[in-house]
Amino acid sequence: MADKTRRYYFAARNEETAHGYEISFVNIPQAQAVGATYEEAVYYSYRVLADFLSHLPKDEAALTAYNHATLPAAKEDNVFYSLISVTPDFDPHKMVTHFTLPQAPPAEIRRKASQLAKLVHHQNKAREAANS
């Protein structure tokens, strides 16, 4: 049976930087999170988003004003966009990041998925090498 939990979607800009990752929200100015690894940046971005949403007025219009927007095209090689789904209780433990890939021929989808995987994994390898 399909999960019928209502979810809100927020567009996120993910950037690999010289010091790790930065995640900012397309429709929420000044809401951003940074981390040495992608996983750490995601962890903090969920908490930043939950905190922001918990301070909004308790009506649907206030929430939907910040909801999903058109995803910009990533022009930089170190930037990609994702959607973060949020349950109505804004619990960061229930948030999920959805990676986006445009419709394209299978070879192009594989190339873009590979590029995305390398972006997300790059800092982890650097950290693992530093800890060795």
C-alpha atoms as a PDB file:
ATOM      1  CA  MET A   1       0.000   0.000   0.000  1.00  0.00           C
ATOM      2  CA  ALA A   2       1.282   3.453  -0.890  1.00  0.00           C
ATOM      3  CA  ASP A   3       2.321   5.853   1.849  1.00  0.00           C
ATOM      4  CA  LYS A   4      -0.337   8.562   2.070  1.00  0.00           C
ATOM      5  CA  THR A   5       1.558  10.943   4.346  1.00  0.00           C
ATOM      6  CA  ARG A   6       1.325  14.487   3.022  1.00  0.00           C
ATOM      7  CA  ARG A   7       4.708  16.007   2.161  1.00  0.00           C
ATOM      8  CA  TYR A   8       5.865  19.483   1.280  1.00  0.00           C
ATOM      9  CA  TYR A   9       8.808  19.920  -1.078  1.00  0.00           C
ATOM     10  CA  PHE A  10      11.533  22.530  -0.846  1.00  0.00           C
ATOM     11  CA  ALA A  11      14.171  23.134  -3.507  1.00  0.00           C
ATOM     12  CA  ALA A  12      17.762  23.013  -2.270  1.00  0.00           C
ATOM     13  CA  ARG A  13      20.972  24.176  -3.927  1.00  0.00           C
ATOM     14  CA  ASN A  14      23.871  21.880  -3.035  1.00  0.00           C
ATOM     15  CA  GLU A  15      27.398  23.148  -3.592  1.00  0.00           C
ATOM     16  CA  GLU A  16      30.700  21.402  -3.105  1.00  0.00           C
ATOM     17  CA  THR A  17      33.157  23.984  -1.734  1.00  0.00           C
ATOM     18  CA  ALA A  18      36.857  23.938  -0.908  1.00  0.00           C
ATOM     19  CA  HIS A  19      35.953  23.154   2.735  1.00  0.00           C
ATOM     20  CA  GLY A  20      33.058  20.749   2.283  1.00  0.00           C
ATOM     21  CA  TYR A  21      29.461  21.409   1.273  1.00  0.00           C
ATOM     22  CA  GLU A  22      26.936  24.210   1.506  1.00  0.00           C
ATOM     23  CA  ILE A  23      23.207  23.668   1.149  1.00  0.00           C
ATOM     24  CA  SER A  24      20.903  26.648   0.707  1.00  0.00           C
ATOM     25  CA  PHE A  25      17.204  26.823  -0.059  1.00  0.00           C
ATOM     26  CA  VAL A  26      16.019  28.355  -3.338  1.00  0.00           C
ATOM     27  CA  ASN A  27      12.918  30.029  -1.831  1.00  0.00           C
ATOM     28  CA  ILE A  28      14.196  30.707   1.683  1.00  0.00           C
ATOM     29  CA  PRO A  29      16.733  33.537   1.829  1.00  0.00           C
ATOM     30  CA  GLN A  30      19.476  33.239   4.436  1.00  0.00           C
ATOM     31  CA  ALA A  31      18.606  29.620   5.271  1.00  0.00           C
ATOM     32  CA  GLN A  32      21.717  27.565   4.705  1.00  0.00           C
ATOM     33  CA  ALA A  33      23.796  24.808   6.229  1.00  0.00           C
ATOM     34  CA  VAL A  34      27.422  23.804   5.837  1.00  0.00           C
ATOM     35  CA  GLY A  35      29.303  20.623   6.616  1.00  0.00           C
ATOM     36  CA  ALA A  36      32.678  19.019   6.044  1.00  0.00           C
ATOM     37  CA  THR A  37      30.918  16.067   4.374  1.00  0.00           C
ATOM     38  CA  TYR A  38      27.745  15.973   2.322  1.00  0.00           C
ATOM     39  CA  GLU A  39      25.998  13.887   5.000  1.00  0.00           C
ATOM     40  CA  GLU A  40      26.866  16.479   7.656  1.00  0.00           C
ATOM     41  CA  ALA A  41      25.561  19.339   5.502  1.00  0.00           C
ATOM     42  CA  VAL A  42      22.302  17.424   4.913  1.00  0.00           C
ATOM     43  CA  TYR A  43      21.946  16.768   8.665  1.00  0.00           C
ATOM     44  CA  TYR A  44      22.268  20.478   9.423  1.00  0.00           C
ATOM     45  CA  SER A  45      20.082  21.538   6.476  1.00  0.00           C
ATOM     46  CA  TYR A  46      17.193  19.445   7.821  1.00  0.00           C
ATOM     47  CA  ARG A  47      17.483  21.162  11.186  1.00  0.00           C
ATOM     48  CA  VAL A  48      17.732  24.630   9.621  1.00  0.00           C
ATOM     49  CA  LEU A  49      14.633  23.912   7.519  1.00  0.00           C
ATOM     50  CA  ALA A  50      12.692  22.493  10.485  1.00  0.00           C
ATOM     51  CA  ASP A  51      13.557  25.543  12.594  1.00  0.00           C
ATOM     52  CA  PHE A  52      12.524  27.949   9.841  1.00  0.00           C
ATOM     53  CA  LEU A  53       9.224  26.163   9.192  1.00  0.00           C
ATOM     54  CA  SER A  54       8.357  25.897  12.879  1.00  0.00           C
ATOM     55  CA  HIS A  55       8.394  29.709  13.149  1.00  0.00           C
ATOM     56  CA  LEU A  56       5.944  30.281  10.287  1.00  0.00           C
ATOM     57  CA  PRO A  57       2.308  31.187  10.995  1.00  0.00           C
ATOM     58  CA  LYS A  58       0.167  28.056  11.344  1.00  0.00           C
ATOM     59  CA  ASP A  59      -1.640  28.357   8.019  1.00  0.00           C
ATOM     60  CA  GLU A  60      -1.190  26.623   4.703  1.00  0.00           C
ATOM     61  CA  ALA A  61      -0.590  29.852   2.749  1.00  0.00           C
ATOM     62  CA  ALA A  62       2.469  30.765   4.833  1.00  0.00           C
ATOM     63  CA  LEU A  63       3.968  27.321   4.275  1.00  0.00           C
ATOM     64  CA  THR A  64       3.243  27.039   0.575  1.00  0.00           C
ATOM     65  CA  ALA A  65       4.829  30.451  -0.082  1.00  0.00           C
ATOM     66  CA  TYR A  66       8.200  28.753   0.500  1.00  0.00           C
ATOM     67  CA  ASN A  67       7.341  25.440  -1.132  1.00  0.00           C
ATOM     68  CA  HIS A  68       8.868  23.943  -4.263  1.00  0.00           C
ATOM     69  CA  ALA A  69       9.952  26.339  -6.972  1.00  0.00           C
ATOM     70  CA  THR A  70      11.271  25.776 -10.435  1.00  0.00           C
ATOM     71  CA  LEU A  71      14.705  24.226 -10.118  1.00  0.00           C
ATOM     72  CA  PRO A  72      17.346  26.404 -11.739  1.00  0.00           C
ATOM     73  CA  ALA A  73      19.725  24.729 -14.155  1.00  0.00           C
ATOM     74  CA  ALA A  74      23.072  24.059 -12.491  1.00  0.00           C
ATOM     75  CA  LYS A  75      25.685  25.895 -14.509  1.00  0.00           C
ATOM     76  CA  GLU A  76      28.670  25.118 -12.265  1.00  0.00           C
ATOM     77  CA  ASP A  77      30.233  21.643 -12.138  1.00  0.00           C
ATOM     78  CA  ASN A  78      30.252  21.711  -8.324  1.00  0.00           C
ATOM     79  CA  VAL A  79      26.539  22.540  -7.918  1.00  0.00           C
ATOM     80  CA  PHE A  80      23.437  20.355  -8.109  1.00  0.00           C
ATOM     81  CA  TYR A  81      19.827  20.762  -7.028  1.00  0.00           C
ATOM     82  CA  SER A  82      17.649  18.471  -4.960  1.00  0.00           C
ATOM     83  CA  LEU A  83      14.205  18.458  -3.370  1.00  0.00           C
ATOM     84  CA  ILE A  84      13.760  17.984   0.352  1.00  0.00           C
ATOM     85  CA  SER A  85      10.432  16.471   1.359  1.00  0.00           C
ATOM     86  CA  VAL A  86       8.984  17.440   4.726  1.00  0.00           C
ATOM     87  CA  THR A  87       6.069  15.987   6.693  1.00  0.00           C
ATOM     88  CA  PRO A  88       3.477  18.366   8.229  1.00  0.00           C
ATOM     89  CA  ASP A  89       5.085  18.017  11.676  1.00  0.00           C
ATOM     90  CA  PHE A  90       8.418  19.359  10.264  1.00  0.00           C
ATOM     91  CA  ASP A  91      10.311  16.531  11.969  1.00  0.00           C
ATOM     92  CA  PRO A  92      13.890  16.608  10.603  1.00  0.00           C
ATOM     93  CA  HIS A  93      14.161  12.837  11.195  1.00  0.00           C
ATOM     94  CA  LYS A  94      11.410  12.269   8.615  1.00  0.00           C
ATOM     95  CA  MET A  95      12.888  14.585   5.968  1.00  0.00           C
ATOM     96  CA  VAL A  96      14.195  13.009   2.788  1.00  0.00           C
ATOM     97  CA  THR A  97      16.420  14.426   0.046  1.00  0.00           C
ATOM     98  CA  HIS A  98      15.401  13.562  -3.497  1.00  0.00           C
ATOM     99  CA  PHE A  99      18.025  13.961  -6.202  1.00  0.00           C
ATOM    100  CA  THR A 100      16.814  15.277  -9.514  1.00  0.00           C
ATOM    101  CA  LEU A 101      17.891  14.139 -12.959  1.00  0.00           C
ATOM    102  CA  PRO A 102      16.285  15.541 -16.109  1.00  0.00           C
ATOM    103  CA  GLN A 103      14.636  13.240 -18.611  1.00  0.00           C
ATOM    104  CA  ALA A 104      17.290  12.218 -21.084  1.00  0.00           C
ATOM    105  CA  PRO A 105      18.579   9.192 -22.968  1.00  0.00           C
ATOM    106  CA  PRO A 106      19.882   6.419 -20.652  1.00  0.00           C
ATOM    107  CA  ALA A 107      23.557   7.195 -21.361  1.00  0.00           C
ATOM    108  CA  GLU A 108      23.039  10.838 -20.347  1.00  0.00           C
ATOM    109  CA  ILE A 109      21.178   9.840 -17.177  1.00  0.00           C
ATOM    110  CA  ARG A 110      24.054   7.488 -16.243  1.00  0.00           C
ATOM    111  CA  ARG A 111      26.591  10.276 -16.886  1.00  0.00           C
ATOM    112  CA  LYS A 112      24.700  12.795 -14.757  1.00  0.00           C
ATOM    113  CA  ALA A 113      24.118  10.247 -11.981  1.00  0.00           C
ATOM    114  CA  SER A 114      27.817   9.394 -11.986  1.00  0.00           C
ATOM    115  CA  GLN A 115      28.729  13.086 -11.815  1.00  0.00           C
ATOM    116  CA  LEU A 116      26.330  13.559  -8.902  1.00  0.00           C
ATOM    117  CA  ALA A 117      27.738  10.516  -7.060  1.00  0.00           C
ATOM    118  CA  LYS A 118      31.280  11.858  -7.452  1.00  0.00           C
ATOM    119  CA  LEU A 119      30.261  15.267  -6.084  1.00  0.00           C
ATOM    120  CA  VAL A 120      28.608  13.753  -3.037  1.00  0.00           C
ATOM    121  CA  HIS A 121      31.423  11.280  -2.372  1.00  0.00           C
ATOM    122  CA  HIS A 122      34.451  13.491  -3.094  1.00  0.00           C
ATOM    123  CA  GLN A 123      34.771  15.072   0.359  1.00  0.00           C
ATOM    124  CA  ASN A 124      34.200  11.760   2.107  1.00  0.00           C
ATOM    125  CA  LYS A 125      37.251  10.286   0.357  1.00  0.00           C
ATOM    126  CA  ALA A 126      39.332  13.331   1.287  1.00  0.00           C
ATOM    127  CA  ARG A 127      38.276  13.038   4.937  1.00  0.00           C
ATOM    128  CA  GLU A 128      38.954   9.280   4.985  1.00  0.00           C
ATOM    129  CA  ALA A 129      42.427   9.857   3.549  1.00  0.00           C
ATOM    130  CA  ALA A 130      43.130  12.511   6.196  1.00  0.00           C
ATOM    131  CA  ASN A 131      42.031  10.151   8.978  1.00  0.00           C
ATOM    132  CA  SER A 132      44.254   7.293   7.720  1.00  0.00           C
END
